[in-house]
C-alpha atoms as a PDB file:
ATOM      1  CA  UNK A   1     260.833 -42.523-133.078  1.00  0.00           C
ATOM      2  CA  UNK A   2     259.944 -43.139-137.139  1.00  0.00           C
ATOM      3  CA  UNK A   3     258.749 -39.260-137.370  1.00  0.00           C
ATOM      4  CA  UNK A   4     262.167 -38.314-136.133  1.00  0.00           C
ATOM      5  CA  UNK A   5     264.143 -40.397-138.546  1.00  0.00           C
ATOM      6  CA  UNK A   6     262.088 -39.227-141.608  1.00  0.00           C
ATOM      7  CA  UNK A   7     262.937 -35.515-140.208  1.00  0.00           C
ATOM      8  CA  UNK A   8     265.373 -32.737-141.169  1.00  0.00           C
ATOM      9  CA  UNK A   9     266.916 -32.638-138.187  1.00  0.00           C
ATOM     10  CA  UNK A  10     267.762 -36.493-138.112  1.00  0.00           C
ATOM     11  CA  UNK A  11     269.416 -35.981-141.476  1.00  0.00           C
ATOM     12  CA  UNK A  12     271.380 -32.821-140.584  1.00  0.00           C
ATOM     13  CA  UNK A  13     272.880 -34.917-137.447  1.00  0.00           C
ATOM     14  CA  UNK A  14     274.031 -37.710-139.747  1.00  0.00           C
ATOM     15  CA  UNK A  15     275.518 -35.428-142.221  1.00  0.00           C
ATOM     16  CA  UNK A  16     277.131 -34.039-139.238  1.00  0.00           C
ATOM     17  CA  UNK A  17     278.352 -37.236-137.511  1.00  0.00           C
ATOM     18  CA  UNK A  18     279.621 -38.711-141.348  1.00  0.00           C
ATOM     19  CA  UNK A  19     281.470 -35.926-141.805  1.00  0.00           C
ATOM     20  CA  UNK A  20     283.301 -35.360-138.346  1.00  0.00           C
ATOM     21  CA  UNK A  21     284.328 -39.268-138.838  1.00  0.00           C
ATOM     22  CA  UNK A  22     285.507 -38.565-141.873  1.00  0.00           C
ATOM     23  CA  UNK A  23     287.498 -35.245-141.449  1.00  0.00           C
ATOM     24  CA  UNK A  24     289.064 -37.554-138.581  1.00  0.00           C
ATOM     25  CA  UNK A  25     289.829 -40.241-140.873  1.00  0.00           C
ATOM     26  CA  UNK A  26     291.471 -38.141-143.211  1.00  0.00           C
ATOM     27  CA  UNK A  27     293.907 -36.961-140.380  1.00  0.00           C
ATOM     28  CA  UNK A  28     294.760 -40.836-139.133  1.00  0.00           C
ATOM     29  CA  UNK A  29     294.709 -42.718-142.614  1.00  0.00           C
ATOM     30  CA  UNK A  30     297.036 -41.576-145.062  1.00  0.00           C
ATOM     31  CA  UNK A  31     295.128 -43.121-147.899  1.00  0.00           C
ATOM     32  CA  UNK A  32     292.578 -40.489-148.107  1.00  0.00           C
ATOM     33  CA  UNK A  33     293.291 -37.671-150.021  1.00  0.00           C
ATOM     34  CA  UNK A  34     294.261 -34.339-148.228  1.00  0.00           C
ATOM     35  CA  UNK A  35     291.871 -32.627-150.042  1.00  0.00           C
ATOM     36  CA  UNK A  36     288.688 -34.539-149.118  1.00  0.00           C
ATOM     37  CA  UNK A  37     289.929 -34.007-145.329  1.00  0.00           C
ATOM     38  CA  UNK A  38     290.205 -30.113-146.177  1.00  0.00           C
ATOM     39  CA  UNK A  39     287.052 -30.075-148.132  1.00  0.00           C
ATOM     40  CA  UNK A  40     285.268 -31.791-145.049  1.00  0.00           C
ATOM     41  CA  UNK A  41     286.568 -29.578-142.626  1.00  0.00           C
ATOM     42  CA  UNK A  42     285.577 -26.434-144.201  1.00  0.00           C
ATOM     43  CA  UNK A  43     282.026 -26.436-142.197  1.00  0.00           C
ATOM     44  CA  UNK A  44     283.711 -26.698-138.893  1.00  0.00           C
ATOM     45  CA  UNK A  45     285.994 -24.354-139.186  1.00  0.00           C
ATOM     46  CA  UNK A  46     284.005 -21.995-137.125  1.00  0.00           C
ATOM     47  CA  UNK A  47     283.629 -24.550-134.682  1.00  0.00           C
ATOM     48  CA  UNK A  48     286.782 -25.438-134.313  1.00  0.00           C
ATOM     49  CA  UNK A  49     287.721 -21.373-133.799  1.00  0.00           C
ATOM     50  CA  UNK A  50     285.722 -21.158-131.632  1.00  0.00           C
ATOM     51  CA  UNK A  51     286.315 -24.145-129.486  1.00  0.00           C
ATOM     52  CA  UNK A  52     290.142 -22.826-129.853  1.00  0.00           C
ATOM     53  CA  UNK A  53     289.085 -19.396-128.682  1.00  0.00           C
ATOM     54  CA  UNK A  54     287.140 -20.792-125.766  1.00  0.00           C
ATOM     55  CA  UNK A  55     290.496 -23.029-124.949  1.00  0.00           C
ATOM     56  CA  UNK A  56     292.782 -19.846-125.063  1.00  0.00           C
ATOM     57  CA  UNK A  57     290.101 -17.879-122.596  1.00  0.00           C
ATOM     58  CA  UNK A  58     289.979 -20.982-119.994  1.00  0.00           C
ATOM     59  CA  UNK A  59     293.927 -20.719-119.911  1.00  0.00           C
ATOM     60  CA  UNK A  60     293.964 -17.086-119.937  1.00  0.00           C
ATOM     61  CA  UNK A  61     292.280 -17.217-117.020  1.00  0.00           C
ATOM     62  CA  UNK A  62     293.768 -20.034-114.944  1.00  0.00           C
ATOM     63  CA  UNK A  63     296.765 -17.758-115.574  1.00  0.00           C
ATOM     64  CA  UNK A  64     295.132 -14.756-113.841  1.00  0.00           C
ATOM     65  CA  UNK A  65     294.145 -16.689-110.767  1.00  0.00           C
ATOM     66  CA  UNK A  66     297.290 -18.197-110.596  1.00  0.00           C
ATOM     67  CA  UNK A  67     299.190 -15.015-110.742  1.00  0.00           C
ATOM     68  CA  UNK A  68     296.497 -13.654-108.253  1.00  0.00           C
ATOM     69  CA  UNK A  69     297.455 -16.571-105.850  1.00  0.00           C
ATOM     70  CA  UNK A  70     301.371 -16.024-106.335  1.00  0.00           C
ATOM     71  CA  UNK A  71     300.775 -12.002-105.942  1.00  0.00           C
ATOM     72  CA  UNK A  72     298.683 -13.016-102.564  1.00  0.00           C
ATOM     73  CA  UNK A  73     301.122 -15.152-101.370  1.00  0.00           C
ATOM     74  CA  UNK A  74     303.746 -12.562-101.811  1.00  0.00           C
ATOM     75  CA  UNK A  75     302.049  -9.835 -99.652  1.00  0.00           C
ATOM     76  CA  UNK A  76     301.428 -12.644 -96.725  1.00  0.00           C
ATOM     77  CA  UNK A  77     304.721 -13.178 -96.696  1.00  0.00           C
ATOM     78  CA  UNK A  78     305.741  -9.515 -96.754  1.00  0.00           C
ATOM     79  CA  UNK A  79     303.372  -8.683 -94.127  1.00  0.00           C
ATOM     80  CA  UNK A  80     305.001 -11.823 -92.158  1.00  0.00           C
ATOM     81  CA  UNK A  81     308.363 -10.150 -92.621  1.00  0.00           C
ATOM     82  CA  UNK A  82     307.119  -6.376 -91.379  1.00  0.00           C
ATOM     83  CA  UNK A  83     305.190  -7.630 -88.396  1.00  0.00           C
ATOM     84  CA  UNK A  84     308.681  -9.424 -87.589  1.00  0.00           C
ATOM     85  CA  UNK A  85     310.634  -6.072 -88.158  1.00  0.00           C
ATOM     86  CA  UNK A  86     307.732  -4.920 -86.229  1.00  0.00           C
ATOM     87  CA  UNK A  87     308.058  -6.655 -83.045  1.00  0.00           C
ATOM     88  CA  UNK A  88     311.754  -6.545 -83.014  1.00  0.00           C
ATOM     89  CA  UNK A  89     311.819  -2.903 -83.147  1.00  0.00           C
ATOM     90  CA  UNK A  90     309.262  -3.410 -79.938  1.00  0.00           C
ATOM     91  CA  UNK A  91     311.472  -5.688 -78.559  1.00  0.00           C
ATOM     92  CA  UNK A  92     314.735  -3.200 -79.038  1.00  0.00           C
ATOM     93  CA  UNK A  93     313.036  -0.217 -77.931  1.00  0.00           C
ATOM     94  CA  UNK A  94     312.180  -2.218 -74.494  1.00  0.00           C
ATOM     95  CA  UNK A  95     315.456  -3.478 -74.152  1.00  0.00           C
ATOM     96  CA  UNK A  96     316.905   0.278 -74.282  1.00  0.00           C
ATOM     97  CA  UNK A  97     314.319   1.752 -72.129  1.00  0.00           C
ATOM     98  CA  UNK A  98     315.151  -1.111 -69.471  1.00  0.00           C
ATOM     99  CA  UNK A  99     318.911  -0.571 -70.048  1.00  0.00           C
ATOM    100  CA  UNK A 100     318.077   3.550 -69.275  1.00  0.00           C
ATOM    101  CA  UNK A 101     315.931   2.053 -66.351  1.00  0.00           C
ATOM    102  CA  UNK A 102     318.780   0.198 -65.021  1.00  0.00           C
ATOM    103  CA  UNK A 103     321.530   3.009 -65.507  1.00  0.00           C
ATOM    104  CA  UNK A 104     319.374   5.516 -63.629  1.00  0.00           C
ATOM    105  CA  UNK A 105     318.598   2.797 -60.639  1.00  0.00           C
ATOM    106  CA  UNK A 106     322.609   2.400 -60.363  1.00  0.00           C
ATOM    107  CA  UNK A 107     322.856   6.241 -60.104  1.00  0.00           C
ATOM    108  CA  UNK A 108     319.933   5.938 -57.246  1.00  0.00           C
ATOM    109  CA  UNK A 109     322.082   3.525 -55.691  1.00  0.00           C
ATOM    110  CA  UNK A 110     325.031   5.264 -55.976  1.00  0.00           C
ATOM    111  CA  UNK A 111     323.601   8.365 -55.082  1.00  0.00           C
ATOM    112  CA  UNK A 112     322.089   7.376 -51.623  1.00  0.00           C
ATOM    113  CA  UNK A 113     324.496   4.588 -50.757  1.00  0.00           C
ATOM    114  CA  UNK A 114     323.407   4.730 -47.032  1.00  0.00           C
ATOM    115  CA  UNK A 115     319.900   3.478 -48.447  1.00  0.00           C
ATOM    116  CA  UNK A 116     318.777  -0.299 -49.925  1.00  0.00           C
ATOM    117  CA  UNK A 117     316.558   0.779 -52.997  1.00  0.00           C
ATOM    118  CA  UNK A 118     313.797  -1.879 -52.856  1.00  0.00           C
ATOM    119  CA  UNK A 119     311.307  -1.795 -56.178  1.00  0.00           C
ATOM    120  CA  UNK A 120     307.460  -1.386 -55.667  1.00  0.00           C
ATOM    121  CA  UNK A 121     304.744  -2.218 -57.833  1.00  0.00           C
ATOM    122  CA  UNK A 122     301.197   0.245 -56.940  1.00  0.00           C
ATOM    123  CA  UNK A 123     298.165  -2.039 -56.416  1.00  0.00           C
ATOM    124  CA  UNK A 124     295.872   0.934 -55.338  1.00  0.00           C
ATOM    125  CA  UNK A 125     294.814   4.160 -55.603  1.00  0.00           C
ATOM    126  CA  UNK A 126     292.098   6.793 -54.614  1.00  0.00           C
ATOM    127  CA  UNK A 127     289.411   8.041 -57.121  1.00  0.00           C
ATOM    128  CA  UNK A 128     290.372  10.419 -59.719  1.00  0.00           C
ATOM    129  CA  UNK A 129     293.189  11.180 -62.757  1.00  0.00           C
ATOM    130  CA  UNK A 130     296.193  12.031 -59.851  1.00  0.00           C
ATOM    131  CA  UNK A 131     298.497   9.408 -58.001  1.00  0.00           C
ATOM    132  CA  UNK A 132     298.048  11.472 -54.509  1.00  0.00           C
ATOM    133  CA  UNK A 133     297.606   8.859 -52.322  1.00  0.00           C
ATOM    134  CA  UNK A 134     298.263   4.988 -53.535  1.00  0.00           C
ATOM    135  CA  UNK A 135     298.702   1.462 -52.277  1.00  0.00           C
ATOM    136  CA  UNK A 136     302.292  -0.464 -53.221  1.00  0.00           C
ATOM    137  CA  UNK A 137     303.066  -4.132 -52.835  1.00  0.00           C
ATOM    138  CA  UNK A 138     305.735  -3.681 -50.073  1.00  0.00           C
ATOM    139  CA  UNK A 139     305.073  -3.761 -46.559  1.00  0.00           C
ATOM    140  CA  UNK A 140     306.273  -4.161 -43.034  1.00  0.00           C
ATOM    141  CA  UNK A 141     307.890  -8.067 -44.215  1.00  0.00           C
ATOM    142  CA  UNK A 142     309.984  -6.382 -46.394  1.00  0.00           C
ATOM    143  CA  UNK A 143     311.093  -3.618 -43.860  1.00  0.00           C
ATOM    144  CA  UNK A 144     309.087  -0.901 -44.921  1.00  0.00           C
ATOM    145  CA  UNK A 145     308.465   1.463 -42.246  1.00  0.00           C
ATOM    146  CA  UNK A 146     306.893   4.794 -41.640  1.00  0.00           C
ATOM    147  CA  UNK A 147     308.378   7.637 -43.304  1.00  0.00           C
ATOM    148  CA  UNK A 148     310.586   6.477 -45.716  1.00  0.00           C
ATOM    149  CA  UNK A 149     311.085   8.061 -48.779  1.00  0.00           C
ATOM    150  CA  UNK A 150     309.193   6.726 -52.350  1.00  0.00           C
ATOM    151  CA  UNK A 151     310.983   8.044 -55.439  1.00  0.00           C
ATOM    152  CA  UNK A 152     311.277   6.769 -59.233  1.00  0.00           C
ATOM    153  CA  UNK A 153     314.378   7.351 -61.480  1.00  0.00           C
ATOM    154  CA  UNK A 154     312.634  10.739 -62.398  1.00  0.00           C
ATOM    155  CA  UNK A 155     312.475  12.158 -59.002  1.00  0.00           C
ATOM    156  CA  UNK A 156     310.775  12.515 -55.678  1.00  0.00           C
ATOM    157  CA  UNK A 157     307.147  10.707 -55.291  1.00  0.00           C
ATOM    158  CA  UNK A 158     306.559  10.788 -51.677  1.00  0.00           C
ATOM    159  CA  UNK A 159     306.823   9.262 -48.646  1.00  0.00           C
ATOM    160  CA  UNK A 160     304.959   5.997 -47.021  1.00  0.00           C
ATOM    161  CA  UNK A 161     303.031   6.696 -44.273  1.00  0.00           C
ATOM    162  CA  UNK A 162     301.021   3.180 -43.461  1.00  0.00           C
ATOM    163  CA  UNK A 163     302.837   0.372 -43.818  1.00  0.00           C
ATOM    164  CA  UNK A 164     301.347  -2.810 -43.111  1.00  0.00           C
ATOM    165  CA  UNK A 165     302.815  -6.223 -43.607  1.00  0.00           C
ATOM    166  CA  UNK A 166     302.240  -6.779 -46.873  1.00  0.00           C
ATOM    167  CA  UNK A 167     301.701  -3.570 -48.226  1.00  0.00           C
ATOM    168  CA  UNK A 168     301.870   0.339 -47.978  1.00  0.00           C
ATOM    169  CA  UNK A 169     300.247   3.389 -48.203  1.00  0.00           C
ATOM    170  CA  UNK A 170     302.313   6.431 -50.049  1.00  0.00           C
ATOM    171  CA  UNK A 171     301.703  10.062 -49.676  1.00  0.00           C
ATOM    172  CA  UNK A 172     302.585  11.877 -52.555  1.00  0.00           C
ATOM    173  CA  UNK A 173     304.422  15.008 -52.994  1.00  0.00           C
ATOM    174  CA  UNK A 174     301.186  16.785 -54.490  1.00  0.00           C
ATOM    175  CA  UNK A 175     299.264  15.903 -51.263  1.00  0.00           C
ATOM    176  CA  UNK A 176     297.864  18.369 -49.537  1.00  0.00           C
ATOM    177  CA  UNK A 177     299.246  17.256 -46.832  1.00  0.00           C
ATOM    178  CA  UNK A 178     302.979  16.787 -47.930  1.00  0.00           C
ATOM    179  CA  UNK A 179     305.112  19.431 -46.747  1.00  0.00           C
ATOM    180  CA  UNK A 180     309.144  19.067 -47.828  1.00  0.00           C
ATOM    181  CA  UNK A 181     312.393  20.993 -46.642  1.00  0.00           C
ATOM    182  CA  UNK A 182     314.007  21.978 -50.344  1.00  0.00           C
ATOM    183  CA  UNK A 183     316.219  24.173 -51.617  1.00  0.00           C
ATOM    184  CA  UNK A 184     317.015  25.838 -54.956  1.00  0.00           C
ATOM    185  CA  UNK A 185     319.837  23.657 -56.675  1.00  0.00           C
ATOM    186  CA  UNK A 186     321.447  26.376 -58.504  1.00  0.00           C
ATOM    187  CA  UNK A 187     321.274  28.994 -55.830  1.00  0.00           C
ATOM    188  CA  UNK A 188     321.314  27.246 -52.452  1.00  0.00           C
ATOM    189  CA  UNK A 189     318.483  28.935 -51.073  1.00  0.00           C
ATOM    190  CA  UNK A 190     316.241  26.826 -48.584  1.00  0.00           C
ATOM    191  CA  UNK A 191     312.708  26.643 -49.058  1.00  0.00           C
ATOM    192  CA  UNK A 192     309.207  24.767 -48.673  1.00  0.00           C
ATOM    193  CA  UNK A 193     307.661  22.812 -50.709  1.00  0.00           C
ATOM    194  CA  UNK A 194     303.900  21.136 -50.050  1.00  0.00           C
ATOM    195  CA  UNK A 195     301.151  20.135 -51.705  1.00  0.00           C
ATOM    196  CA  UNK A 196     298.050  22.649 -52.608  1.00  0.00           C
ATOM    197  CA  UNK A 197     294.427  21.357 -52.916  1.00  0.00           C
ATOM    198  CA  UNK A 198     294.249  23.950 -55.404  1.00  0.00           C
ATOM    199  CA  UNK A 199     296.779  22.886 -57.797  1.00  0.00           C
ATOM    200  CA  UNK A 200     296.406  19.065 -56.663  1.00  0.00           C
ATOM    201  CA  UNK A 201     294.144  18.641 -59.991  1.00  0.00           C
ATOM    202  CA  UNK A 202     296.697  19.916 -62.382  1.00  0.00           C
ATOM    203  CA  UNK A 203     299.787  17.757 -61.031  1.00  0.00           C
ATOM    204  CA  UNK A 204     301.326  20.973 -59.353  1.00  0.00           C
ATOM    205  CA  UNK A 205     302.831  21.937 -56.093  1.00  0.00           C
ATOM    206  CA  UNK A 206     303.750  25.012 -54.373  1.00  0.00           C
ATOM    207  CA  UNK A 207     306.492  26.771 -52.516  1.00  0.00           C
ATOM    208  CA  UNK A 208     306.604  29.177 -50.232  1.00  0.00           C
ATOM    209  CA  UNK A 209     308.988  30.489 -47.670  1.00  0.00           C
ATOM    210  CA  UNK A 210     311.002  31.945 -50.195  1.00  0.00           C
ATOM    211  CA  UNK A 211     313.567  34.052 -48.708  1.00  0.00           C
ATOM    212  CA  UNK A 212     312.818  38.040 -49.517  1.00  0.00           C
ATOM    213  CA  UNK A 213     316.605  38.341 -50.958  1.00  0.00           C
ATOM    214  CA  UNK A 214     316.364  35.285 -53.138  1.00  0.00           C
ATOM    215  CA  UNK A 215     316.228  35.375 -56.787  1.00  0.00           C
ATOM    216  CA  UNK A 216     314.680  32.971 -57.985  1.00  0.00           C
ATOM    217  CA  UNK A 217     312.870  32.571 -61.423  1.00  0.00           C
ATOM    218  CA  UNK A 218     311.028  30.067 -63.612  1.00  0.00           C
ATOM    219  CA  UNK A 219     313.031  27.163 -64.537  1.00  0.00           C
ATOM    220  CA  UNK A 220     315.072  27.318 -61.052  1.00  0.00           C
ATOM    221  CA  UNK A 221     315.488  23.336 -60.368  1.00  0.00           C
ATOM    222  CA  UNK A 222     314.083  22.347 -56.540  1.00  0.00           C
ATOM    223  CA  UNK A 223     315.657  19.650 -54.696  1.00  0.00           C
ATOM    224  CA  UNK A 224     315.589  17.945 -51.145  1.00  0.00           C
ATOM    225  CA  UNK A 225     317.799  19.925 -48.268  1.00  0.00           C
ATOM    226  CA  UNK A 226     318.090  17.069 -46.521  1.00  0.00           C
ATOM    227  CA  UNK A 227     316.911  18.894 -43.414  1.00  0.00           C
ATOM    228  CA  UNK A 228     313.928  16.927 -41.344  1.00  0.00           C
ATOM    229  CA  UNK A 229     315.518  13.283 -41.630  1.00  0.00           C
ATOM    230  CA  UNK A 230     312.942  11.873 -43.698  1.00  0.00           C
ATOM    231  CA  UNK A 231     314.697  12.896 -47.018  1.00  0.00           C
ATOM    232  CA  UNK A 232     318.014  12.983 -48.192  1.00  0.00           C
ATOM    233  CA  UNK A 233     319.221  15.704 -49.819  1.00  0.00           C
ATOM    234  CA  UNK A 234     319.600  16.237 -53.412  1.00  0.00           C
ATOM    235  CA  UNK A 235     315.889  14.022 -54.659  1.00  0.00           C
ATOM    236  CA  UNK A 236     314.799  16.349 -57.681  1.00  0.00           C
ATOM    237  CA  UNK A 237     311.382  17.541 -56.870  1.00  0.00           C
ATOM    238  CA  UNK A 238     310.750  19.301 -60.024  1.00  0.00           C
ATOM    239  CA  UNK A 239     311.285  22.930 -61.405  1.00  0.00           C
ATOM    240  CA  UNK A 240     309.668  26.522 -60.454  1.00  0.00           C
ATOM    241  CA  UNK A 241     306.803  27.221 -63.645  1.00  0.00           C
ATOM    242  CA  UNK A 242     305.843  30.185 -62.379  1.00  0.00           C
ATOM    243  CA  UNK A 243     306.039  33.079 -59.518  1.00  0.00           C
ATOM    244  CA  UNK A 244     303.361  34.661 -57.696  1.00  0.00           C
ATOM    245  CA  UNK A 245     302.792  37.799 -55.133  1.00  0.00           C
ATOM    246  CA  UNK A 246     300.923  36.493 -51.600  1.00  0.00           C
ATOM    247  CA  UNK A 247     297.697  38.059 -50.528  1.00  0.00           C
ATOM    248  CA  UNK A 248     299.477  40.531 -48.765  1.00  0.00           C
ATOM    249  CA  UNK A 249     301.608  41.655 -51.433  1.00  0.00           C
ATOM    250  CA  UNK A 250     304.992  41.518 -49.718  1.00  0.00           C
ATOM    251  CA  UNK A 251     305.624  37.777 -49.777  1.00  0.00           C
ATOM    252  CA  UNK A 252     305.539  35.406 -52.788  1.00  0.00           C
ATOM    253  CA  UNK A 253     305.165  32.014 -53.713  1.00  0.00           C
ATOM    254  CA  UNK A 254     305.637  30.061 -56.486  1.00  0.00           C
ATOM    255  CA  UNK A 255     304.459  27.065 -58.790  1.00  0.00           C
ATOM    256  CA  UNK A 256     306.300  24.073 -58.877  1.00  0.00           C
ATOM    257  CA  UNK A 257     305.716  21.363 -61.692  1.00  0.00           C
ATOM    258  CA  UNK A 258     307.214  18.281 -60.312  1.00  0.00           C
ATOM    259  CA  UNK A 259     309.600  15.805 -62.371  1.00  0.00           C
ATOM    260  CA  UNK A 260     307.417  12.991 -61.802  1.00  0.00           C
ATOM    261  CA  UNK A 261     304.171  12.731 -63.943  1.00  0.00           C
ATOM    262  CA  UNK A 262     301.727  11.609 -61.407  1.00  0.00           C
ATOM    263  CA  UNK A 263     298.861  10.534 -63.925  1.00  0.00           C
ATOM    264  CA  UNK A 264     301.189   7.889 -64.915  1.00  0.00           C
ATOM    265  CA  UNK A 265     302.777   5.826 -62.176  1.00  0.00           C
ATOM    266  CA  UNK A 266     302.820   2.003 -61.863  1.00  0.00           C
ATOM    267  CA  UNK A 267     306.389   1.546 -60.598  1.00  0.00           C
ATOM    268  CA  UNK A 268     308.037   3.024 -57.724  1.00  0.00           C
ATOM    269  CA  UNK A 269     311.418   2.670 -55.664  1.00  0.00           C
ATOM    270  CA  UNK A 270     310.884   2.782 -52.121  1.00  0.00           C
ATOM    271  CA  UNK A 271     314.510   3.981 -50.137  1.00  0.00           C
ATOM    272  CA  UNK A 272     314.933   1.364 -47.428  1.00  0.00           C
ATOM    273  CA  UNK A 273     316.805   3.219 -44.187  1.00  0.00           C
ATOM    274  CA  UNK A 274     319.734   0.961 -43.100  1.00  0.00           C
END
């Protein structure tokens, strides 16, 4: 300890402490001449400058991080506003679609006044991408019987084939067992539309028994004729996609593109006969 007291470090520390005390007194006690304070403060000017610079840097850093937090908060608020607007847009689109579906349902009710439209959900289907046969959640308990027509707001789907107490099997337009009496809506020519195993996997069906004199072209609209007692007249089936020659090169048939997309079905309407 005595060696430290005699050392140069002790002397230097003592002088620094003395100068610090004298500097403080020069600022607080008026009787100490200003010159003394000024001369005493000279050795500490670099230290004071360094401390001031450090304080400024710390203040700048604090301001920077405070600005970052402000910008982050503003971004979060903007994101919340965007999410709210997107939600409102989705709800508006859903409302418009529901309104459109309701209008179509009312049109169906007006068009087929002798039948009661009953909504049904598809609860099962055969394997594959196409709804050629499927099960709905309406059955005998709902007044559903065999051969009731099944439609959507777009057009004809098919008919009920196996009603049970709480569900029913539906045979779709593209199923190979389907045969429908139809007509060309613009021209009145009677034809037959049926499912075909070759075209089923493309979501298409065919039209045959075309009268030789019938002037049928691609784009013609095909609808139910009302003959046969199953489907009422005027249900849209689809449109002519292509005309082809039969194997005998005399008769012709047409490829029909259904109005209903048989890849995307989840709800249908069963026309209950009064």
